[in-house]
């Protein structure tokens, strides 16, 4: 029985170089880092760090979606309703939140 197994993976050369520079500064090579990663997967019974969309990306998408929803809603409003919404920001935010919660309920 072999004392080691081989892993082969394709990775962007620039990412590989940058990551290996960081590992070198930590006194590790790629094989040792991969072994540590696999050990943590076994220990944690999953990926050893949180996987999520960075907040900046998420909020950018939410902001764009919210803006688009508000524009559609504004097009359906009378000029008086738009004027009221402009001067009453909390009313506008409330309308936006109602619109968002209805979409979440339908999509869930």
PDB file of N, CA and C in Angstrom:
ATOM      1  N   UNK A   1       0.841  -1.182   0.000  1.00  0.00           N
ATOM      2  CA  UNK A   1       0.000   0.000   0.000  1.00  0.00           C
ATOM      3  C   UNK A   1       0.888   1.248   0.000  1.00  0.00           C
ATOM      4  N   UNK A   2       0.516   2.205  -0.807  1.00  0.00           N
ATOM      5  CA  UNK A   2       1.277   3.443  -0.950  1.00  0.00           C
ATOM      6  C   UNK A   2       1.111   4.323   0.275  1.00  0.00           C
ATOM      7  N   UNK A   3       2.200   5.028   0.651  1.00  0.00           N
ATOM      8  CA  UNK A   3       2.146   5.932   1.797  1.00  0.00           C
ATOM      9  C   UNK A   3       1.641   7.314   1.417  1.00  0.00           C
ATOM     10  N   UNK A   4       1.459   7.552   0.113  1.00  0.00           N
ATOM     11  CA  UNK A   4       0.933   8.836  -0.322  1.00  0.00           C
ATOM     12  C   UNK A   4       0.115   8.640  -1.596  1.00  0.00           C
ATOM     13  N   UNK A   5      -0.846   9.527  -1.785  1.00  0.00           N
ATOM     14  CA  UNK A   5      -1.676   9.511  -2.987  1.00  0.00           C
ATOM     15  C   UNK A   5      -1.425  10.805  -3.741  1.00  0.00           C
ATOM     16  N   UNK A   6      -1.627  10.739  -5.039  1.00  0.00           N
ATOM     17  CA  UNK A   6      -1.377  11.922  -5.847  1.00  0.00           C
ATOM     18  C   UNK A   6      -2.681  12.633  -6.156  1.00  0.00           C
ATOM     19  N   UNK A   7      -2.642  13.947  -6.108  1.00  0.00           N
ATOM     20  CA  UNK A   7      -3.772  14.786  -6.507  1.00  0.00           C
ATOM     21  C   UNK A   7      -3.296  15.627  -7.679  1.00  0.00           C
ATOM     22  N   UNK A   8      -4.109  15.671  -8.726  1.00  0.00           N
ATOM     23  CA  UNK A   8      -3.782  16.518  -9.880  1.00  0.00           C
ATOM     24  C   UNK A   8      -4.921  17.495 -10.055  1.00  0.00           C
ATOM     25  N   UNK A   9      -4.586  18.745 -10.230  1.00  0.00           N
ATOM     26  CA  UNK A   9      -5.603  19.769 -10.437  1.00  0.00           C
ATOM     27  C   UNK A   9      -5.072  20.839 -11.366  1.00  0.00           C
ATOM     28  N   UNK A  10      -5.959  21.406 -12.140  1.00  0.00           N
ATOM     29  CA  UNK A  10      -5.585  22.525 -13.009  1.00  0.00           C
ATOM     30  C   UNK A  10      -5.962  23.810 -12.283  1.00  0.00           C
ATOM     31  N   UNK A  11      -5.054  24.780 -12.334  1.00  0.00           N
ATOM     32  CA  UNK A  11      -5.266  26.047 -11.644  1.00  0.00           C
ATOM     33  C   UNK A  11      -4.615  27.166 -12.447  1.00  0.00           C
ATOM     34  N   UNK A  12      -5.156  28.339 -12.328  1.00  0.00           N
ATOM     35  CA  UNK A  12      -4.599  29.494 -13.026  1.00  0.00           C
ATOM     36  C   UNK A  12      -3.142  29.677 -12.594  1.00  0.00           C
ATOM     37  N   UNK A  13      -2.200  29.781 -13.543  1.00  0.00           N
ATOM     38  CA  UNK A  13      -0.779  29.898 -13.204  1.00  0.00           C
ATOM     39  C   UNK A  13      -0.463  31.093 -12.302  1.00  0.00           C
ATOM     40  N   UNK A  14      -1.119  32.212 -12.545  1.00  0.00           N
ATOM     41  CA  UNK A  14      -0.869  33.405 -11.726  1.00  0.00           C
ATOM     42  C   UNK A  14      -1.328  33.167 -10.275  1.00  0.00           C
ATOM     43  N   UNK A  15      -2.499  32.564 -10.119  1.00  0.00           N
ATOM     44  CA  UNK A  15      -3.001  32.244  -8.778  1.00  0.00           C
ATOM     45  C   UNK A  15      -2.064  31.271  -8.070  1.00  0.00           C
ATOM     46  N   UNK A  16      -1.610  30.260  -8.797  1.00  0.00           N
ATOM     47  CA  UNK A  16      -0.688  29.268  -8.231  1.00  0.00           C
ATOM     48  C   UNK A  16       0.584  29.947  -7.716  1.00  0.00           C
ATOM     49  N   UNK A  17       1.160  30.802  -8.544  1.00  0.00           N
ATOM     50  CA  UNK A  17       2.406  31.495  -8.168  1.00  0.00           C
ATOM     51  C   UNK A  17       2.192  32.360  -6.929  1.00  0.00           C
ATOM     52  N   UNK A  18       1.107  33.142  -6.928  1.00  0.00           N
ATOM     53  CA  UNK A  18       0.842  34.028  -5.791  1.00  0.00           C
ATOM     54  C   UNK A  18       0.586  33.233  -4.513  1.00  0.00           C
ATOM     55  N   UNK A  19      -0.185  32.163  -4.624  1.00  0.00           N
ATOM     56  CA  UNK A  19      -0.481  31.344  -3.446  1.00  0.00           C
ATOM     57  C   UNK A  19       0.791  30.667  -2.923  1.00  0.00           C
ATOM     58  N   UNK A  20       1.625  30.185  -3.821  1.00  0.00           N
ATOM     59  CA  UNK A  20       2.856  29.518  -3.399  1.00  0.00           C
ATOM     60  C   UNK A  20       3.830  30.485  -2.735  1.00  0.00           C
ATOM     61  N   UNK A  21       3.796  31.753  -3.146  1.00  0.00           N
ATOM     62  CA  UNK A  21       4.620  32.760  -2.471  1.00  0.00           C
ATOM     63  C   UNK A  21       4.157  32.947  -1.025  1.00  0.00           C
ATOM     64  N   UNK A  22       2.864  32.978  -0.831  1.00  0.00           N
ATOM     65  CA  UNK A  22       2.308  33.109   0.532  1.00  0.00           C
ATOM     66  C   UNK A  22       2.671  31.872   1.344  1.00  0.00           C
ATOM     67  N   UNK A  23       2.486  30.702   0.753  1.00  0.00           N
ATOM     68  CA  UNK A  23       2.818  29.460   1.459  1.00  0.00           C
ATOM     69  C   UNK A  23       4.293  29.417   1.833  1.00  0.00           C
ATOM     70  N   UNK A  24       5.162  29.845   0.932  1.00  0.00           N
ATOM     71  CA  UNK A  24       6.603  29.864   1.209  1.00  0.00           C
ATOM     72  C   UNK A  24       6.905  30.745   2.418  1.00  0.00           C
ATOM     73  N   UNK A  25       6.222  31.897   2.489  1.00  0.00           N
ATOM     74  CA  UNK A  25       6.454  32.790   3.632  1.00  0.00           C
ATOM     75  C   UNK A  25       5.976  32.161   4.935  1.00  0.00           C
ATOM     76  N   UNK A  26       5.069  31.189   4.825  1.00  0.00           N
ATOM     77  CA  UNK A  26       4.590  30.467   6.006  1.00  0.00           C
ATOM     78  C   UNK A  26       5.412  29.209   6.280  1.00  0.00           C
ATOM     79  N   UNK A  27       6.376  28.936   5.404  1.00  0.00           N
ATOM     80  CA  UNK A  27       7.216  27.754   5.575  1.00  0.00           C
ATOM     81  C   UNK A  27       6.550  26.478   5.087  1.00  0.00           C
ATOM     82  N   UNK A  28       5.607  26.609   4.164  1.00  0.00           N
ATOM     83  CA  UNK A  28       4.896  25.440   3.641  1.00  0.00           C
ATOM     84  C   UNK A  28       5.066  25.350   2.137  1.00  0.00           C
ATOM     85  N   UNK A  29       4.928  24.140   1.623  1.00  0.00           N
ATOM     86  CA  UNK A  29       4.861  23.969   0.177  1.00  0.00           C
ATOM     87  C   UNK A  29       3.425  23.579  -0.187  1.00  0.00           C
ATOM     88  N   UNK A  30       3.142  23.463  -1.481  1.00  0.00           N
ATOM     89  CA  UNK A  30       1.776  23.184  -1.930  1.00  0.00           C
ATOM     90  C   UNK A  30       1.259  21.849  -1.391  1.00  0.00           C
ATOM     91  N   UNK A  31       2.094  20.829  -1.382  1.00  0.00           N
ATOM     92  CA  UNK A  31       1.669  19.508  -0.880  1.00  0.00           C
ATOM     93  C   UNK A  31       1.282  19.574   0.592  1.00  0.00           C
ATOM     94  N   UNK A  32       2.081  20.270   1.384  1.00  0.00           N
ATOM     95  CA  UNK A  32       1.778  20.404   2.817  1.00  0.00           C
ATOM     96  C   UNK A  32       0.481  21.197   3.026  1.00  0.00           C
ATOM     97  N   UNK A  33       0.291  22.230   2.227  1.00  0.00           N
ATOM     98  CA  UNK A  33      -0.926  23.043   2.348  1.00  0.00           C
ATOM     99  C   UNK A  33      -2.163  22.218   1.990  1.00  0.00           C
ATOM    100  N   UNK A  34      -2.059  21.427   0.937  1.00  0.00           N
ATOM    101  CA  UNK A  34      -3.188  20.583   0.533  1.00  0.00           C
ATOM    102  C   UNK A  34      -3.475  19.538   1.604  1.00  0.00           C
ATOM    103  N   UNK A  35      -2.434  18.969   2.197  1.00  0.00           N
ATOM    104  CA  UNK A  35      -2.620  17.994   3.280  1.00  0.00           C
ATOM    105  C   UNK A  35      -3.319  18.643   4.475  1.00  0.00           C
ATOM    106  N   UNK A  36      -2.905  19.874   4.809  1.00  0.00           N
ATOM    107  CA  UNK A  36      -3.566  20.598   5.898  1.00  0.00           C
ATOM    108  C   UNK A  36      -5.035  20.858   5.572  1.00  0.00           C
ATOM    109  N   UNK A  37      -5.293  21.267   4.337  1.00  0.00           N
ATOM    110  CA  UNK A  37      -6.658  21.534   3.900  1.00  0.00           C
ATOM    111  C   UNK A  37      -7.512  20.272   4.021  1.00  0.00           C
ATOM    112  N   UNK A  38      -7.020  19.151   3.521  1.00  0.00           N
ATOM    113  CA  UNK A  38      -7.749  17.892   3.607  1.00  0.00           C
ATOM    114  C   UNK A  38      -7.957  17.456   5.056  1.00  0.00           C
ATOM    115  N   UNK A  39      -6.965  17.664   5.902  1.00  0.00           N
ATOM    116  CA  UNK A  39      -7.103  17.323   7.325  1.00  0.00           C
ATOM    117  C   UNK A  39      -8.222  18.135   7.970  1.00  0.00           C
ATOM    118  N   UNK A  40      -8.300  19.398   7.619  1.00  0.00           N
ATOM    119  CA  UNK A  40      -9.357  20.253   8.167  1.00  0.00           C
ATOM    120  C   UNK A  40     -10.738  19.861   7.628  1.00  0.00           C
ATOM    121  N   UNK A  41     -10.803  19.442   6.371  1.00  0.00           N
ATOM    122  CA  UNK A  41     -12.078  18.957   5.815  1.00  0.00           C
ATOM    123  C   UNK A  41     -12.553  17.751   6.614  1.00  0.00           C
ATOM    124  N   UNK A  42     -11.635  16.837   6.882  1.00  0.00           N
ATOM    125  CA  UNK A  42     -11.991  15.642   7.656  1.00  0.00           C
ATOM    126  C   UNK A  42     -12.418  16.028   9.061  1.00  0.00           C
ATOM    127  N   UNK A  43     -11.658  16.910   9.694  1.00  0.00           N
ATOM    128  CA  UNK A  43     -11.933  17.329  11.071  1.00  0.00           C
ATOM    129  C   UNK A  43     -13.271  18.063  11.186  1.00  0.00           C
ATOM    130  N   UNK A  44     -13.524  18.997  10.276  1.00  0.00           N
ATOM    131  CA  UNK A  44     -14.745  19.822  10.334  1.00  0.00           C
ATOM    132  C   UNK A  44     -15.934  19.138   9.662  1.00  0.00           C
ATOM    133  N   UNK A  45     -15.654  18.038   8.947  1.00  0.00           N
ATOM    134  CA  UNK A  45     -16.688  17.348   8.176  1.00  0.00           C
ATOM    135  C   UNK A  45     -17.327  18.278   7.145  1.00  0.00           C
ATOM    136  N   UNK A  46     -16.514  19.085   6.520  1.00  0.00           N
ATOM    137  CA  UNK A  46     -16.961  20.014   5.493  1.00  0.00           C
ATOM    138  C   UNK A  46     -15.838  20.966   5.150  1.00  0.00           C
ATOM    139  N   UNK A  47     -16.147  21.950   4.328  1.00  0.00           N
ATOM    140  CA  UNK A  47     -15.157  22.968   3.975  1.00  0.00           C
ATOM    141  C   UNK A  47     -14.820  23.747   5.248  1.00  0.00           C
ATOM    142  N   UNK A  48     -13.542  23.942   5.545  1.00  0.00           N
ATOM    143  CA  UNK A  48     -13.151  24.548   6.828  1.00  0.00           C
ATOM    144  C   UNK A  48     -13.253  26.073   6.885  1.00  0.00           C
ATOM    145  N   UNK A  49     -14.015  26.655   6.002  1.00  0.00           N
ATOM    146  CA  UNK A  49     -14.253  28.093   6.048  1.00  0.00           C
ATOM    147  C   UNK A  49     -15.613  28.349   5.429  1.00  0.00           C
ATOM    148  N   UNK A  50     -16.161  29.509   5.730  1.00  0.00           N
ATOM    149  CA  UNK A  50     -17.488  29.860   5.238  1.00  0.00           C
ATOM    150  C   UNK A  50     -17.427  30.205   3.749  1.00  0.00           C
ATOM    151  N   UNK A  51     -18.344  29.631   2.996  1.00  0.00           N
ATOM    152  CA  UNK A  51     -18.450  29.940   1.577  1.00  0.00           C
ATOM    153  C   UNK A  51     -19.641  30.874   1.400  1.00  0.00           C
ATOM    154  N   UNK A  52     -19.384  32.084   0.926  1.00  0.00           N
ATOM    155  CA  UNK A  52     -20.481  33.023   0.725  1.00  0.00           C
ATOM    156  C   UNK A  52     -20.091  34.051  -0.317  1.00  0.00           C
ATOM    157  N   UNK A  53     -21.090  34.734  -0.821  1.00  0.00           N
ATOM    158  CA  UNK A  53     -20.864  35.806  -1.783  1.00  0.00           C
ATOM    159  C   UNK A  53     -20.375  37.014  -1.006  1.00  0.00           C
ATOM    160  N   UNK A  54     -19.266  37.608  -1.421  1.00  0.00           N
ATOM    161  CA  UNK A  54     -18.791  38.800  -0.706  1.00  0.00           C
ATOM    162  C   UNK A  54     -19.878  39.874  -0.642  1.00  0.00           C
ATOM    163  N   UNK A  55     -19.961  40.552   0.495  1.00  0.00           N
ATOM    164  CA  UNK A  55     -21.010  41.539   0.736  1.00  0.00           C
ATOM    165  C   UNK A  55     -21.061  42.592  -0.367  1.00  0.00           C
ATOM    166  N   UNK A  56     -19.918  43.040  -0.834  1.00  0.00           N
ATOM    167  CA  UNK A  56     -19.893  44.083  -1.858  1.00  0.00           C
ATOM    168  C   UNK A  56     -20.631  43.613  -3.112  1.00  0.00           C
ATOM    169  N   UNK A  57     -20.389  42.387  -3.538  1.00  0.00           N
ATOM    170  CA  UNK A  57     -21.064  41.833  -4.707  1.00  0.00           C
ATOM    171  C   UNK A  57     -22.550  41.672  -4.439  1.00  0.00           C
ATOM    172  N   UNK A  58     -22.896  41.126  -3.262  1.00  0.00           N
ATOM    173  CA  UNK A  58     -24.293  40.895  -2.903  1.00  0.00           C
ATOM    174  C   UNK A  58     -25.063  42.209  -2.867  1.00  0.00           C
ATOM    175  N   UNK A  59     -24.528  43.197  -2.155  1.00  0.00           N
ATOM    176  CA  UNK A  59     -25.238  44.458  -2.031  1.00  0.00           C
ATOM    177  C   UNK A  59     -25.310  45.201  -3.354  1.00  0.00           C
ATOM    178  N   UNK A  60     -24.324  45.022  -4.192  1.00  0.00           N
ATOM    179  CA  UNK A  60     -24.361  45.629  -5.515  1.00  0.00           C
ATOM    180  C   UNK A  60     -25.521  45.054  -6.312  1.00  0.00           C
ATOM    181  N   UNK A  61     -25.698  43.735  -6.259  1.00  0.00           N
ATOM    182  CA  UNK A  61     -26.788  43.087  -6.979  1.00  0.00           C
ATOM    183  C   UNK A  61     -28.129  43.473  -6.372  1.00  0.00           C
ATOM    184  N   UNK A  62     -28.198  43.503  -5.028  1.00  0.00           N
ATOM    185  CA  UNK A  62     -29.437  43.890  -4.360  1.00  0.00           C
ATOM    186  C   UNK A  62     -29.776  45.322  -4.712  1.00  0.00           C
ATOM    187  N   UNK A  63     -28.786  46.193  -4.685  1.00  0.00           N
ATOM    188  CA  UNK A  63     -29.003  47.600  -4.996  1.00  0.00           C
ATOM    189  C   UNK A  63     -29.529  47.766  -6.418  1.00  0.00           C
ATOM    190  N   UNK A  64     -28.935  47.052  -7.363  1.00  0.00           N
ATOM    191  CA  UNK A  64     -29.379  47.126  -8.752  1.00  0.00           C
ATOM    192  C   UNK A  64     -30.805  46.613  -8.886  1.00  0.00           C
ATOM    193  N   UNK A  65     -31.094  45.486  -8.228  1.00  0.00           N
ATOM    194  CA  UNK A  65     -32.440  44.923  -8.289  1.00  0.00           C
ATOM    195  C   UNK A  65     -33.450  45.877  -7.655  1.00  0.00           C
ATOM    196  N   UNK A  66     -33.090  46.466  -6.522  1.00  0.00           N
ATOM    197  CA  UNK A  66     -33.986  47.399  -5.837  1.00  0.00           C
ATOM    198  C   UNK A  66     -34.229  48.637  -6.693  1.00  0.00           C
ATOM    199  N   UNK A  67     -33.187  49.151  -7.299  1.00  0.00           N
ATOM    200  CA  UNK A  67     -33.316  50.330  -8.157  1.00  0.00           C
ATOM    201  C   UNK A  67     -34.235  50.032  -9.331  1.00  0.00           C
ATOM    202  N   UNK A  68     -34.036  48.880  -9.960  1.00  0.00           N
ATOM    203  CA  UNK A  68     -34.883  48.499 -11.086  1.00  0.00           C
ATOM    204  C   UNK A  68     -36.337  48.346 -10.664  1.00  0.00           C
ATOM    205  N   UNK A  69     -36.561  47.748  -9.483  1.00  0.00           N
ATOM    206  CA  UNK A  69     -37.927  47.587  -8.975  1.00  0.00           C
ATOM    207  C   UNK A  69     -38.565  48.943  -8.707  1.00  0.00           C
ATOM    208  N   UNK A  70     -37.792  49.862  -8.141  1.00  0.00           N
ATOM    209  CA  UNK A  70     -38.327  51.196  -7.863  1.00  0.00           C
ATOM    210  C   UNK A  70     -38.654  51.949  -9.155  1.00  0.00           C
ATOM    211  N   UNK A  71     -37.804  51.808 -10.160  1.00  0.00           N
ATOM    212  CA  UNK A  71     -38.064  52.467 -11.435  1.00  0.00           C
ATOM    213  C   UNK A  71     -39.357  51.949 -12.072  1.00  0.00           C
ATOM    214  N   UNK A  72     -39.564  50.642 -12.020  1.00  0.00           N
ATOM    215  CA  UNK A  72     -40.794  50.068 -12.567  1.00  0.00           C
ATOM    216  C   UNK A  72     -42.010  50.586 -11.802  1.00  0.00           C
ATOM    217  N   UNK A  73     -41.873  50.623 -10.471  1.00  0.00           N
ATOM    218  CA  UNK A  73     -42.972  51.105  -9.636  1.00  0.00           C
ATOM    219  C   UNK A  73     -43.240  52.579  -9.915  1.00  0.00           C
ATOM    220  N   UNK A  74     -42.197  53.375 -10.071  1.00  0.00           N
ATOM    221  CA  UNK A  74     -42.349  54.808 -10.322  1.00  0.00           C
ATOM    222  C   UNK A  74     -43.066  55.060 -11.647  1.00  0.00           C
ATOM    223  N   UNK A  75     -42.816  54.208 -12.630  1.00  0.00           N
ATOM    224  CA  UNK A  75     -43.468  54.377 -13.929  1.00  0.00           C
ATOM    225  C   UNK A  75     -44.983  54.165 -13.829  1.00  0.00           C
ATOM    226  N   UNK A  76     -45.409  53.341 -12.869  1.00  0.00           N
ATOM    227  CA  UNK A  76     -46.838  53.080 -12.686  1.00  0.00           C
ATOM    228  C   UNK A  76     -47.515  54.128 -11.797  1.00  0.00           C
ATOM    229  N   UNK A  77     -46.729  54.976 -11.127  1.00  0.00           N
ATOM    230  CA  UNK A  77     -47.284  55.986 -10.220  1.00  0.00           C
ATOM    231  C   UNK A  77     -47.752  57.220 -10.987  1.00  0.00           C
ATOM    232  N   UNK A  78     -48.691  57.881 -10.387  1.00  0.00           N
ATOM    233  CA  UNK A  78     -49.084  59.179 -10.939  1.00  0.00           C
ATOM    234  C   UNK A  78     -48.007  60.180 -10.555  1.00  0.00           C
ATOM    235  N   UNK A  79     -48.020  61.345 -11.179  1.00  0.00           N
ATOM    236  CA  UNK A  79     -47.009  62.358 -10.851  1.00  0.00           C
ATOM    237  C   UNK A  79     -47.142  62.778  -9.387  1.00  0.00           C
ATOM    238  N   UNK A  80     -48.364  62.829  -8.866  1.00  0.00           N
ATOM    239  CA  UNK A  80     -48.572  63.176  -7.459  1.00  0.00           C
ATOM    240  C   UNK A  80     -47.966  62.139  -6.520  1.00  0.00           C
ATOM    241  N   UNK A  81     -48.136  60.868  -6.855  1.00  0.00           N
ATOM    242  CA  UNK A  81     -47.559  59.795  -6.031  1.00  0.00           C
ATOM    243  C   UNK A  81     -46.027  59.843  -6.071  1.00  0.00           C
ATOM    244  N   UNK A  82     -45.481  60.129  -7.256  1.00  0.00           N
ATOM    245  CA  UNK A  82     -44.018  60.231  -7.359  1.00  0.00           C
ATOM    246  C   UNK A  82     -43.494  61.398  -6.535  1.00  0.00           C
ATOM    247  N   UNK A  83     -44.213  62.522  -6.579  1.00  0.00           N
ATOM    248  CA  UNK A  83     -43.809  63.692  -5.806  1.00  0.00           C
ATOM    249  C   UNK A  83     -43.869  63.386  -4.311  1.00  0.00           C
ATOM    250  N   UNK A  84     -44.930  62.720  -3.868  1.00  0.00           N
ATOM    251  CA  UNK A  84     -45.057  62.344  -2.451  1.00  0.00           C
ATOM    252  C   UNK A  84     -43.921  61.399  -2.054  1.00  0.00           C
ATOM    253  N   UNK A  85     -43.631  60.426  -2.917  1.00  0.00           N
ATOM    254  CA  UNK A  85     -42.559  59.471  -2.623  1.00  0.00           C
ATOM    255  C   UNK A  85     -41.213  60.180  -2.531  1.00  0.00           C
ATOM    256  N   UNK A  86     -41.003  61.157  -3.407  1.00  0.00           N
ATOM    257  CA  UNK A  86     -39.753  61.910  -3.388  1.00  0.00           C
ATOM    258  C   UNK A  86     -39.576  62.637  -2.064  1.00  0.00           C
ATOM    259  N   UNK A  87     -40.646  63.280  -1.579  1.00  0.00           N
ATOM    260  CA  UNK A  87     -40.543  64.051  -0.342  1.00  0.00           C
ATOM    261  C   UNK A  87     -40.706  63.191   0.906  1.00  0.00           C
ATOM    262  N   UNK A  88     -41.227  62.011   0.754  1.00  0.00           N
ATOM    263  CA  UNK A  88     -41.434  61.147   1.915  1.00  0.00           C
ATOM    264  C   UNK A  88     -40.590  59.886   1.734  1.00  0.00           C
ATOM    265  N   UNK A  89     -39.315  60.008   2.023  1.00  0.00           N
ATOM    266  CA  UNK A  89     -38.361  58.917   1.809  1.00  0.00           C
ATOM    267  C   UNK A  89     -38.775  57.636   2.517  1.00  0.00           C
ATOM    268  N   UNK A  90     -39.295  57.745   3.726  1.00  0.00           N
ATOM    269  CA  UNK A  90     -39.666  56.531   4.459  1.00  0.00           C
ATOM    270  C   UNK A  90     -40.805  55.800   3.755  1.00  0.00           C
ATOM    271  N   UNK A  91     -41.696  56.546   3.105  1.00  0.00           N
ATOM    272  CA  UNK A  91     -42.763  55.924   2.328  1.00  0.00           C
ATOM    273  C   UNK A  91     -42.168  55.136   1.169  1.00  0.00           C
ATOM    274  N   UNK A  92     -41.182  55.722   0.525  1.00  0.00           N
ATOM    275  CA  UNK A  92     -40.511  55.078  -0.598  1.00  0.00           C
ATOM    276  C   UNK A  92     -39.809  53.801  -0.147  1.00  0.00           C
ATOM    277  N   UNK A  93     -39.094  53.875   0.974  1.00  0.00           N
ATOM    278  CA  UNK A  93     -38.394  52.699   1.495  1.00  0.00           C
ATOM    279  C   UNK A  93     -39.407  51.629   1.896  1.00  0.00           C
ATOM    280  N   UNK A  94     -40.502  52.051   2.514  1.00  0.00           N
ATOM    281  CA  UNK A  94     -41.550  51.102   2.884  1.00  0.00           C
ATOM    282  C   UNK A  94     -42.124  50.397   1.666  1.00  0.00           C
ATOM    283  N   UNK A  95     -42.363  51.143   0.599  1.00  0.00           N
ATOM    284  CA  UNK A  95     -42.876  50.549  -0.640  1.00  0.00           C
ATOM    285  C   UNK A  95     -41.862  49.566  -1.212  1.00  0.00           C
ATOM    286  N   UNK A  96     -40.600  49.930  -1.146  1.00  0.00           N
ATOM    287  CA  UNK A  96     -39.542  49.064  -1.660  1.00  0.00           C
ATOM    288  C   UNK A  96     -39.496  47.768  -0.854  1.00  0.00           C
ATOM    289  N   UNK A  97     -39.590  47.876   0.475  1.00  0.00           N
ATOM    290  CA  UNK A  97     -39.538  46.689   1.329  1.00  0.00           C
ATOM    291  C   UNK A  97     -40.742  45.784   1.092  1.00  0.00           C
ATOM    292  N   UNK A  98     -41.926  46.369   0.895  1.00  0.00           N
ATOM    293  CA  UNK A  98     -43.115  45.560   0.597  1.00  0.00           C
ATOM    294  C   UNK A  98     -42.913  44.809  -0.709  1.00  0.00           C
ATOM    295  N   UNK A  99     -42.382  45.488  -1.694  1.00  0.00           N
ATOM    296  CA  UNK A  99     -42.136  44.877  -2.993  1.00  0.00           C
ATOM    297  C   UNK A  99     -41.135  43.731  -2.869  1.00  0.00           C
ATOM    298  N   UNK A 100     -40.061  43.950  -2.095  1.00  0.00           N
ATOM    299  CA  UNK A 100     -39.032  42.921  -1.918  1.00  0.00           C
ATOM    300  C   UNK A 100     -39.578  41.715  -1.171  1.00  0.00           C
ATOM    301  N   UNK A 101     -40.367  41.936  -0.127  1.00  0.00           N
ATOM    302  CA  UNK A 101     -40.874  40.806   0.660  1.00  0.00           C
ATOM    303  C   UNK A 101     -41.868  39.988  -0.133  1.00  0.00           C
ATOM    304  N   UNK A 102     -42.652  40.622  -1.020  1.00  0.00           N
ATOM    305  CA  UNK A 102     -43.573  39.862  -1.862  1.00  0.00           C
ATOM    306  C   UNK A 102     -42.785  38.973  -2.821  1.00  0.00           C
ATOM    307  N   UNK A 103     -41.711  39.485  -3.395  1.00  0.00           N
ATOM    308  CA  UNK A 103     -40.905  38.687  -4.317  1.00  0.00           C
ATOM    309  C   UNK A 103     -40.259  37.516  -3.602  1.00  0.00           C
ATOM    310  N   UNK A 104     -39.763  37.732  -2.367  1.00  0.00           N
ATOM    311  CA  UNK A 104     -39.130  36.651  -1.616  1.00  0.00           C
ATOM    312  C   UNK A 104     -40.143  35.559  -1.322  1.00  0.00           C
ATOM    313  N   UNK A 105     -41.371  35.942  -0.938  1.00  0.00           N
ATOM    314  CA  UNK A 105     -42.392  34.974  -0.594  1.00  0.00           C
ATOM    315  C   UNK A 105     -42.759  34.139  -1.824  1.00  0.00           C
ATOM    316  N   UNK A 106     -42.896  34.779  -2.982  1.00  0.00           N
ATOM    317  CA  UNK A 106     -43.237  34.075  -4.196  1.00  0.00           C
ATOM    318  C   UNK A 106     -42.114  33.152  -4.640  1.00  0.00           C
ATOM    319  N   UNK A 107     -40.859  33.606  -4.497  1.00  0.00           N
ATOM    320  CA  UNK A 107     -39.715  32.848  -4.996  1.00  0.00           C
ATOM    321  C   UNK A 107     -39.262  31.738  -4.079  1.00  0.00           C
ATOM    322  N   UNK A 108     -39.631  31.775  -2.810  1.00  0.00           N
ATOM    323  CA  UNK A 108     -39.144  30.773  -1.858  1.00  0.00           C
ATOM    324  C   UNK A 108     -39.726  29.440  -2.083  1.00  0.00           C
TER     325      UNK A 108
END
